[in-house]
């Protein structure tokens, strides 16, 4: 999991969150009220979801992981925080 994901700026505007975390994979989607970042590292895939209010203020986030190898597949939630 990326180090920056340990300190997600909740209650900040979307521009602040994106300047801290970088470009999300949902940047060009106009119908999504959140941002999603995905990082792949070895057999792990980490996904960060940040949700925003109508005023584009970050209200909650969650970090999920998925582990895959040739024998099994495991998913789970590492962190889930919000107002």
C-alpha atoms as a PDB file:
ATOM      1  CA  UNK A   1       0.000   0.000   0.000  1.00  0.00           C
ATOM      2  CA  UNK A   2       1.418   3.425  -0.902  1.00  0.00           C
ATOM      3  CA  UNK A   3       2.674   5.486   2.038  1.00  0.00           C
ATOM      4  CA  UNK A   4       0.483   8.495   1.146  1.00  0.00           C
ATOM      5  CA  UNK A   5      -2.612   6.365   1.643  1.00  0.00           C
ATOM      6  CA  UNK A   6      -1.894   6.353   5.384  1.00  0.00           C
ATOM      7  CA  UNK A   7      -2.877  10.038   5.549  1.00  0.00           C
ATOM      8  CA  UNK A   8      -5.959  10.693   3.422  1.00  0.00           C
ATOM      9  CA  UNK A   9      -7.065  14.352   3.767  1.00  0.00           C
ATOM     10  CA  UNK A  10     -10.742  14.033   4.776  1.00  0.00           C
ATOM     11  CA  UNK A  11     -12.912  17.166   4.966  1.00  0.00           C
ATOM     12  CA  UNK A  12     -10.785  18.775   2.239  1.00  0.00           C
ATOM     13  CA  UNK A  13     -11.849  19.861  -1.230  1.00  0.00           C
ATOM     14  CA  UNK A  14     -11.402  17.465  -4.140  1.00  0.00           C
ATOM     15  CA  UNK A  15      -8.615  19.606  -5.617  1.00  0.00           C
ATOM     16  CA  UNK A  16      -6.597  19.255  -2.393  1.00  0.00           C
ATOM     17  CA  UNK A  17      -7.113  15.483  -2.280  1.00  0.00           C
ATOM     18  CA  UNK A  18      -6.102  15.088  -5.928  1.00  0.00           C
ATOM     19  CA  UNK A  19      -3.041  17.307  -5.559  1.00  0.00           C
ATOM     20  CA  UNK A  20      -1.924  15.078  -2.667  1.00  0.00           C
ATOM     21  CA  UNK A  21      -2.769  11.694  -4.228  1.00  0.00           C
ATOM     22  CA  UNK A  22      -2.363  12.417  -7.946  1.00  0.00           C
ATOM     23  CA  UNK A  23      -4.589  11.553 -10.908  1.00  0.00           C
ATOM     24  CA  UNK A  24      -7.329   9.009 -10.267  1.00  0.00           C
ATOM     25  CA  UNK A  25      -8.667   6.484 -12.763  1.00  0.00           C
ATOM     26  CA  UNK A  26     -12.095   8.162 -12.612  1.00  0.00           C
ATOM     27  CA  UNK A  27     -10.885  11.657 -13.607  1.00  0.00           C
ATOM     28  CA  UNK A  28     -12.704  11.647 -16.930  1.00  0.00           C
ATOM     29  CA  UNK A  29     -15.968  10.129 -15.643  1.00  0.00           C
ATOM     30  CA  UNK A  30     -18.555  12.870 -15.160  1.00  0.00           C
ATOM     31  CA  UNK A  31     -21.177  10.601 -13.538  1.00  0.00           C
ATOM     32  CA  UNK A  32     -19.037   9.451 -10.585  1.00  0.00           C
ATOM     33  CA  UNK A  33     -19.102  11.376  -7.272  1.00  0.00           C
ATOM     34  CA  UNK A  34     -15.843   9.901  -6.086  1.00  0.00           C
ATOM     35  CA  UNK A  35     -12.320   9.068  -7.096  1.00  0.00           C
ATOM     36  CA  UNK A  36     -10.621   5.692  -7.351  1.00  0.00           C
ATOM     37  CA  UNK A  37      -6.899   4.953  -7.286  1.00  0.00           C
ATOM     38  CA  UNK A  38      -5.457   1.498  -8.006  1.00  0.00           C
ATOM     39  CA  UNK A  39      -1.920   0.310  -7.271  1.00  0.00           C
ATOM     40  CA  UNK A  40      -0.595  -3.124  -8.209  1.00  0.00           C
ATOM     41  CA  UNK A  41       2.365  -4.540  -6.325  1.00  0.00           C
ATOM     42  CA  UNK A  42       3.479  -8.130  -6.877  1.00  0.00           C
ATOM     43  CA  UNK A  43       0.435 -10.361  -6.207  1.00  0.00           C
ATOM     44  CA  UNK A  44      -1.485  -7.537  -4.497  1.00  0.00           C
ATOM     45  CA  UNK A  45      -3.845  -4.951  -5.889  1.00  0.00           C
ATOM     46  CA  UNK A  46      -4.803  -2.047  -3.613  1.00  0.00           C
ATOM     47  CA  UNK A  47      -7.821   0.151  -4.329  1.00  0.00           C
ATOM     48  CA  UNK A  48      -8.529   3.501  -2.685  1.00  0.00           C
ATOM     49  CA  UNK A  49     -12.065   4.924  -3.000  1.00  0.00           C
ATOM     50  CA  UNK A  50     -12.722   8.514  -1.904  1.00  0.00           C
ATOM     51  CA  UNK A  51     -16.312   9.815  -1.785  1.00  0.00           C
ATOM     52  CA  UNK A  52     -17.251  13.491  -1.893  1.00  0.00           C
ATOM     53  CA  UNK A  53     -20.225  15.556  -0.805  1.00  0.00           C
ATOM     54  CA  UNK A  54     -22.196  17.765  -3.215  1.00  0.00           C
ATOM     55  CA  UNK A  55     -19.714  20.534  -2.393  1.00  0.00           C
ATOM     56  CA  UNK A  56     -16.797  18.297  -3.493  1.00  0.00           C
ATOM     57  CA  UNK A  57     -15.523  17.859   0.065  1.00  0.00           C
ATOM     58  CA  UNK A  58     -14.010  14.441   0.868  1.00  0.00           C
ATOM     59  CA  UNK A  59     -16.410  12.700   3.262  1.00  0.00           C
ATOM     60  CA  UNK A  60     -15.218   9.060   3.438  1.00  0.00           C
ATOM     61  CA  UNK A  61     -12.676   6.696   2.050  1.00  0.00           C
ATOM     62  CA  UNK A  62     -11.914   3.005   2.014  1.00  0.00           C
ATOM     63  CA  UNK A  63      -8.888   0.933   1.076  1.00  0.00           C
ATOM     64  CA  UNK A  64      -9.392  -2.601  -0.204  1.00  0.00           C
ATOM     65  CA  UNK A  65      -6.876  -5.204  -1.202  1.00  0.00           C
ATOM     66  CA  UNK A  66      -6.940  -8.260  -3.398  1.00  0.00           C
ATOM     67  CA  UNK A  67      -4.297 -10.993  -3.287  1.00  0.00           C
ATOM     68  CA  UNK A  68      -4.049 -13.428  -6.164  1.00  0.00           C
ATOM     69  CA  UNK A  69      -1.805 -16.321  -6.949  1.00  0.00           C
ATOM     70  CA  UNK A  70      -2.228 -19.630  -8.727  1.00  0.00           C
ATOM     71  CA  UNK A  71      -3.773 -21.298  -5.638  1.00  0.00           C
ATOM     72  CA  UNK A  72      -6.261 -18.799  -4.233  1.00  0.00           C
ATOM     73  CA  UNK A  73      -7.758 -15.330  -4.363  1.00  0.00           C
ATOM     74  CA  UNK A  74      -8.420 -13.234  -1.247  1.00  0.00           C
ATOM     75  CA  UNK A  75     -10.002  -9.793  -0.884  1.00  0.00           C
ATOM     76  CA  UNK A  76     -10.622  -7.582   2.105  1.00  0.00           C
ATOM     77  CA  UNK A  77     -10.924  -4.082   3.478  1.00  0.00           C
ATOM     78  CA  UNK A  78      -7.894  -2.585   5.211  1.00  0.00           C
ATOM     79  CA  UNK A  79      -9.389   0.774   6.237  1.00  0.00           C
ATOM     80  CA  UNK A  80     -12.797   2.420   6.050  1.00  0.00           C
ATOM     81  CA  UNK A  81     -13.241   5.904   7.520  1.00  0.00           C
ATOM     82  CA  UNK A  82     -15.708   8.702   7.160  1.00  0.00           C
ATOM     83  CA  UNK A  83     -18.006  11.188   8.801  1.00  0.00           C
END
